[in-house]
Amino acid sequence: MLSGFTLGGPVWMPFGPLKKLGRNRVFFFTNFEWDPSKSNTVLQLTTPTVAEANGNFAGVLNSSNQPVVVKNPSTGIQFPGNVVPGP
């Protein structure tokens, strides 16, 4: 079963630039929906470290605790030290 709500109405400010527009010209509208029949799942996301964002993947391990090999997609050869050179 899908549940949710919607909410909307006029924006009224007694001061500032919206006062000149009047109550009948500026509106807001939002909605939210959820499905309680879905099972609860945990989504785990990771963000790159500063070193990874700079192209240094020297300390990255896969799920088997083996070093990740970073290869050049053009040549198929591993980058030296798993460090991708900058642009």
N, C-alpha and C. Protein backbone atom coordinates (compact mmCIF):
# COMPACT_ATOMS: atom_id res chain seq x y z
N MET A 1 0.85 -1.17 0.00
CA MET A 1 0.00 0.00 0.00
C MET A 1 0.90 1.24 0.00
N LEU A 2 0.65 2.13 -0.91
CA LEU A 2 1.42 3.35 -1.03
C LEU A 2 0.74 4.45 -0.22
N SER A 3 1.52 5.11 0.62
CA SER A 3 0.97 6.18 1.45
C SER A 3 1.74 7.46 1.17
N GLY A 4 1.15 8.57 1.55
CA GLY A 4 1.84 9.83 1.36
C GLY A 4 0.94 11.02 1.62
N PHE A 5 1.49 12.18 1.31
CA PHE A 5 0.71 13.40 1.48
C PHE A 5 1.19 14.46 0.50
N THR A 6 0.35 15.43 0.28
CA THR A 6 0.70 16.61 -0.50
C THR A 6 0.35 17.83 0.32
N LEU A 7 1.10 18.88 0.11
CA LEU A 7 0.89 20.10 0.87
C LEU A 7 1.18 21.28 -0.05
N GLY A 8 0.30 22.24 -0.03
CA GLY A 8 0.49 23.43 -0.86
C GLY A 8 -0.34 24.58 -0.36
N GLY A 9 0.01 25.76 -0.83
CA GLY A 9 -0.75 26.93 -0.43
C GLY A 9 -0.04 28.21 -0.83
N PRO A 10 -0.65 29.34 -0.52
CA PRO A 10 -0.04 30.61 -0.88
C PRO A 10 1.12 30.96 0.04
N VAL A 11 2.08 31.69 -0.51
CA VAL A 11 3.19 32.22 0.28
C VAL A 11 2.84 33.66 0.62
N TRP A 12 2.81 33.97 1.90
CA TRP A 12 2.47 35.32 2.32
C TRP A 12 3.54 35.83 3.25
N MET A 13 4.15 36.95 2.89
CA MET A 13 5.17 37.58 3.72
C MET A 13 4.71 39.01 3.99
N PRO A 14 4.67 39.44 5.23
CA PRO A 14 4.23 40.80 5.53
C PRO A 14 5.28 41.85 5.22
N PHE A 15 6.46 41.42 4.75
CA PHE A 15 7.54 42.36 4.45
C PHE A 15 8.37 41.79 3.29
N GLY A 16 9.26 42.58 2.77
CA GLY A 16 10.19 42.13 1.75
C GLY A 16 9.60 42.15 0.35
N PRO A 17 10.33 41.57 -0.61
CA PRO A 17 9.91 41.65 -2.02
C PRO A 17 8.65 40.87 -2.33
N LEU A 18 8.34 39.84 -1.54
CA LEU A 18 7.12 39.07 -1.82
C LEU A 18 5.85 39.82 -1.44
N LYS A 19 5.96 40.85 -0.60
CA LYS A 19 4.77 41.62 -0.23
C LYS A 19 4.17 42.29 -1.45
N LYS A 20 5.01 42.76 -2.38
CA LYS A 20 4.51 43.43 -3.58
C LYS A 20 3.81 42.47 -4.52
N LEU A 21 4.18 41.19 -4.50
CA LEU A 21 3.57 40.22 -5.40
C LEU A 21 2.16 39.85 -4.97
N GLY A 22 1.89 39.95 -3.70
CA GLY A 22 0.53 39.66 -3.22
C GLY A 22 0.33 38.19 -2.92
N ARG A 23 -0.73 37.93 -2.19
CA ARG A 23 -1.02 36.59 -1.70
C ARG A 23 -1.48 35.65 -2.82
N ASN A 24 -1.99 36.16 -3.92
CA ASN A 24 -2.56 35.33 -4.97
C ASN A 24 -1.57 35.03 -6.11
N ARG A 25 -0.29 35.32 -5.92
CA ARG A 25 0.66 35.13 -7.01
C ARG A 25 1.79 34.16 -6.71
N VAL A 26 2.14 33.94 -5.47
CA VAL A 26 3.25 33.05 -5.13
C VAL A 26 2.71 31.89 -4.29
N PHE A 27 2.98 30.67 -4.77
CA PHE A 27 2.49 29.47 -4.09
C PHE A 27 3.62 28.49 -3.89
N PHE A 28 3.43 27.55 -2.98
CA PHE A 28 4.37 26.45 -2.80
C PHE A 28 3.59 25.15 -2.88
N PHE A 29 4.28 24.09 -3.26
CA PHE A 29 3.64 22.79 -3.34
C PHE A 29 4.72 21.72 -3.14
N THR A 30 4.44 20.72 -2.32
CA THR A 30 5.36 19.62 -2.11
C THR A 30 4.58 18.35 -1.86
N ASN A 31 5.25 17.21 -2.04
CA ASN A 31 4.60 15.94 -1.73
C ASN A 31 5.64 14.96 -1.20
N PHE A 32 5.17 13.91 -0.55
CA PHE A 32 6.02 12.87 -0.03
C PHE A 32 5.25 11.56 -0.11
N GLU A 33 5.93 10.51 -0.57
CA GLU A 33 5.29 9.20 -0.67
C GLU A 33 6.21 8.13 -0.10
N TRP A 34 5.63 7.11 0.48
CA TRP A 34 6.40 5.97 0.96
C TRP A 34 5.57 4.72 0.82
N ASP A 35 6.25 3.59 0.76
CA ASP A 35 5.60 2.30 0.61
C ASP A 35 5.98 1.43 1.80
N PRO A 36 5.13 1.35 2.82
CA PRO A 36 5.46 0.57 4.02
C PRO A 36 5.55 -0.93 3.76
N SER A 37 5.08 -1.42 2.62
CA SER A 37 5.15 -2.86 2.36
C SER A 37 6.54 -3.29 1.92
N LYS A 38 7.41 -2.36 1.56
CA LYS A 38 8.77 -2.70 1.17
C LYS A 38 9.56 -3.13 2.40
N SER A 39 10.46 -4.07 2.20
CA SER A 39 11.28 -4.52 3.32
C SER A 39 12.34 -3.46 3.62
N ASN A 40 12.77 -3.42 4.86
CA ASN A 40 13.81 -2.48 5.25
C ASN A 40 15.15 -2.99 4.73
N THR A 41 15.83 -2.17 3.98
CA THR A 41 17.14 -2.53 3.48
C THR A 41 18.12 -1.44 3.88
N VAL A 42 19.36 -1.84 4.02
CA VAL A 42 20.40 -0.90 4.37
C VAL A 42 21.23 -0.64 3.12
N LEU A 43 21.38 0.60 2.79
CA LEU A 43 22.18 1.00 1.65
C LEU A 43 23.45 1.63 2.17
N GLN A 44 24.56 1.01 1.86
CA GLN A 44 25.85 1.52 2.32
C GLN A 44 26.59 2.12 1.14
N LEU A 45 26.91 3.39 1.24
CA LEU A 45 27.63 4.09 0.20
C LEU A 45 28.95 4.58 0.76
N THR A 46 29.95 4.64 -0.07
CA THR A 46 31.23 5.19 0.36
C THR A 46 31.61 6.34 -0.55
N THR A 47 32.34 7.25 0.00
CA THR A 47 32.86 8.36 -0.79
C THR A 47 34.37 8.21 -0.86
N PRO A 48 34.98 8.67 -1.93
CA PRO A 48 36.42 8.51 -2.04
C PRO A 48 37.17 9.35 -1.01
N THR A 49 38.31 8.80 -0.57
CA THR A 49 39.17 9.57 0.32
C THR A 49 39.84 10.67 -0.51
N VAL A 50 40.53 11.56 0.16
CA VAL A 50 41.23 12.64 -0.55
C VAL A 50 42.27 12.04 -1.49
N ALA A 51 42.99 11.02 -1.02
CA ALA A 51 44.01 10.37 -1.86
C ALA A 51 43.36 9.74 -3.10
N GLU A 52 42.23 9.05 -2.92
CA GLU A 52 41.54 8.44 -4.06
C GLU A 52 41.02 9.48 -5.02
N ALA A 53 40.51 10.58 -4.49
CA ALA A 53 40.02 11.66 -5.36
C ALA A 53 41.16 12.26 -6.18
N ASN A 54 42.38 12.19 -5.66
CA ASN A 54 43.54 12.70 -6.39
C ASN A 54 44.19 11.63 -7.26
N GLY A 55 43.60 10.42 -7.33
CA GLY A 55 44.09 9.37 -8.21
C GLY A 55 45.02 8.38 -7.56
N ASN A 56 45.21 8.43 -6.24
CA ASN A 56 46.11 7.51 -5.55
C ASN A 56 45.31 6.36 -4.95
N PHE A 57 45.42 5.18 -5.58
CA PHE A 57 44.69 4.01 -5.12
C PHE A 57 45.64 2.97 -4.53
N ALA A 58 46.79 3.40 -4.01
CA ALA A 58 47.83 2.50 -3.53
C ALA A 58 47.36 1.64 -2.35
N GLY A 59 46.55 2.15 -1.47
CA GLY A 59 46.14 1.39 -0.29
C GLY A 59 44.77 0.77 -0.37
N VAL A 60 44.14 0.76 -1.53
CA VAL A 60 42.77 0.26 -1.66
C VAL A 60 42.79 -1.26 -1.77
N LEU A 61 41.96 -1.91 -0.96
CA LEU A 61 41.84 -3.37 -0.97
C LEU A 61 40.44 -3.78 -1.39
N ASN A 62 40.33 -4.94 -2.05
CA ASN A 62 39.01 -5.45 -2.42
C ASN A 62 38.41 -6.23 -1.25
N SER A 63 37.30 -6.88 -1.44
CA SER A 63 36.62 -7.59 -0.36
C SER A 63 37.41 -8.79 0.15
N SER A 64 38.40 -9.26 -0.63
CA SER A 64 39.26 -10.37 -0.22
C SER A 64 40.58 -9.89 0.37
N ASN A 65 40.65 -8.60 0.70
CA ASN A 65 41.85 -7.97 1.25
C ASN A 65 43.05 -8.07 0.31
N GLN A 66 42.78 -8.09 -0.98
CA GLN A 66 43.83 -8.07 -2.00
C GLN A 66 43.91 -6.65 -2.56
N PRO A 67 45.11 -6.19 -2.92
CA PRO A 67 45.22 -4.84 -3.50
C PRO A 67 44.44 -4.74 -4.81
N VAL A 68 43.76 -3.64 -4.98
CA VAL A 68 43.02 -3.38 -6.21
C VAL A 68 44.02 -2.94 -7.28
N VAL A 69 43.92 -3.53 -8.46
CA VAL A 69 44.81 -3.18 -9.57
C VAL A 69 44.08 -2.17 -10.45
N VAL A 70 44.68 -1.00 -10.61
CA VAL A 70 44.09 0.05 -11.43
C VAL A 70 44.86 0.08 -12.75
N LYS A 71 44.14 -0.18 -13.85
CA LYS A 71 44.76 -0.26 -15.17
C LYS A 71 44.35 0.92 -16.03
N ASN A 72 45.23 1.26 -16.94
CA ASN A 72 44.94 2.28 -17.94
C ASN A 72 43.94 1.68 -18.92
N PRO A 73 42.77 2.27 -19.10
CA PRO A 73 41.77 1.67 -20.00
C PRO A 73 42.21 1.68 -21.46
N SER A 74 43.13 2.56 -21.83
CA SER A 74 43.59 2.62 -23.22
C SER A 74 44.58 1.52 -23.54
N THR A 75 45.45 1.19 -22.58
CA THR A 75 46.52 0.22 -22.84
C THR A 75 46.33 -1.10 -22.12
N GLY A 76 45.55 -1.10 -21.03
CA GLY A 76 45.37 -2.31 -20.23
C GLY A 76 46.54 -2.58 -19.29
N ILE A 77 47.49 -1.64 -19.21
CA ILE A 77 48.65 -1.79 -18.35
C ILE A 77 48.36 -1.10 -17.01
N GLN A 78 48.82 -1.75 -15.92
CA GLN A 78 48.62 -1.18 -14.58
C GLN A 78 49.36 0.14 -14.45
N PHE A 79 48.70 1.11 -13.79
CA PHE A 79 49.37 2.37 -13.49
C PHE A 79 50.46 2.10 -12.45
N PRO A 80 51.64 2.70 -12.60
CA PRO A 80 52.71 2.48 -11.62
C PRO A 80 52.30 2.91 -10.22
N GLY A 81 52.40 1.98 -9.26
CA GLY A 81 52.05 2.27 -7.88
C GLY A 81 50.56 2.49 -7.66
N ASN A 82 49.73 2.11 -8.63
CA ASN A 82 48.28 2.33 -8.57
C ASN A 82 47.93 3.80 -8.41
N VAL A 83 48.74 4.67 -8.99
CA VAL A 83 48.49 6.11 -8.95
C VAL A 83 48.16 6.57 -10.37
N VAL A 84 46.95 7.06 -10.54
CA VAL A 84 46.51 7.54 -11.86
C VAL A 84 47.03 8.97 -12.03
N PRO A 85 47.78 9.24 -13.10
CA PRO A 85 48.30 10.58 -13.30
C PRO A 85 47.18 11.58 -13.57
N GLY A 86 47.41 12.81 -13.18
CA GLY A 86 46.41 13.88 -13.39
C GLY A 86 46.28 14.24 -14.85
N PRO A 87 45.27 15.05 -15.15
CA PRO A 87 45.02 15.43 -16.54
C PRO A 87 46.10 16.28 -17.15
